Amino acid sequence: MVRGRDQVAAGALARLALDVPGLSLRLVWRADREALPGMREILYASAAAEAVQERAG
């Protein structure tokens, strides 16, 4: 079975010149099911720091 880049090379798939947004993750958090208090804040801070780094390039 031919996969990925091989499919493009074989002509089975074609690369499309499209502008696509970066992928992002959105957390939906239920405080009443939080096993480790404070973890939500750590995850949100980490995601925010990564977004700042990406924008700074």
Foldseek 3Di string as FASTA:
>chain_A
DDDDPRCCVVVVDDDDPDDDDDDDDDDDDDPVPDPDPPVVVVVVVVRVVVVVVVVVD
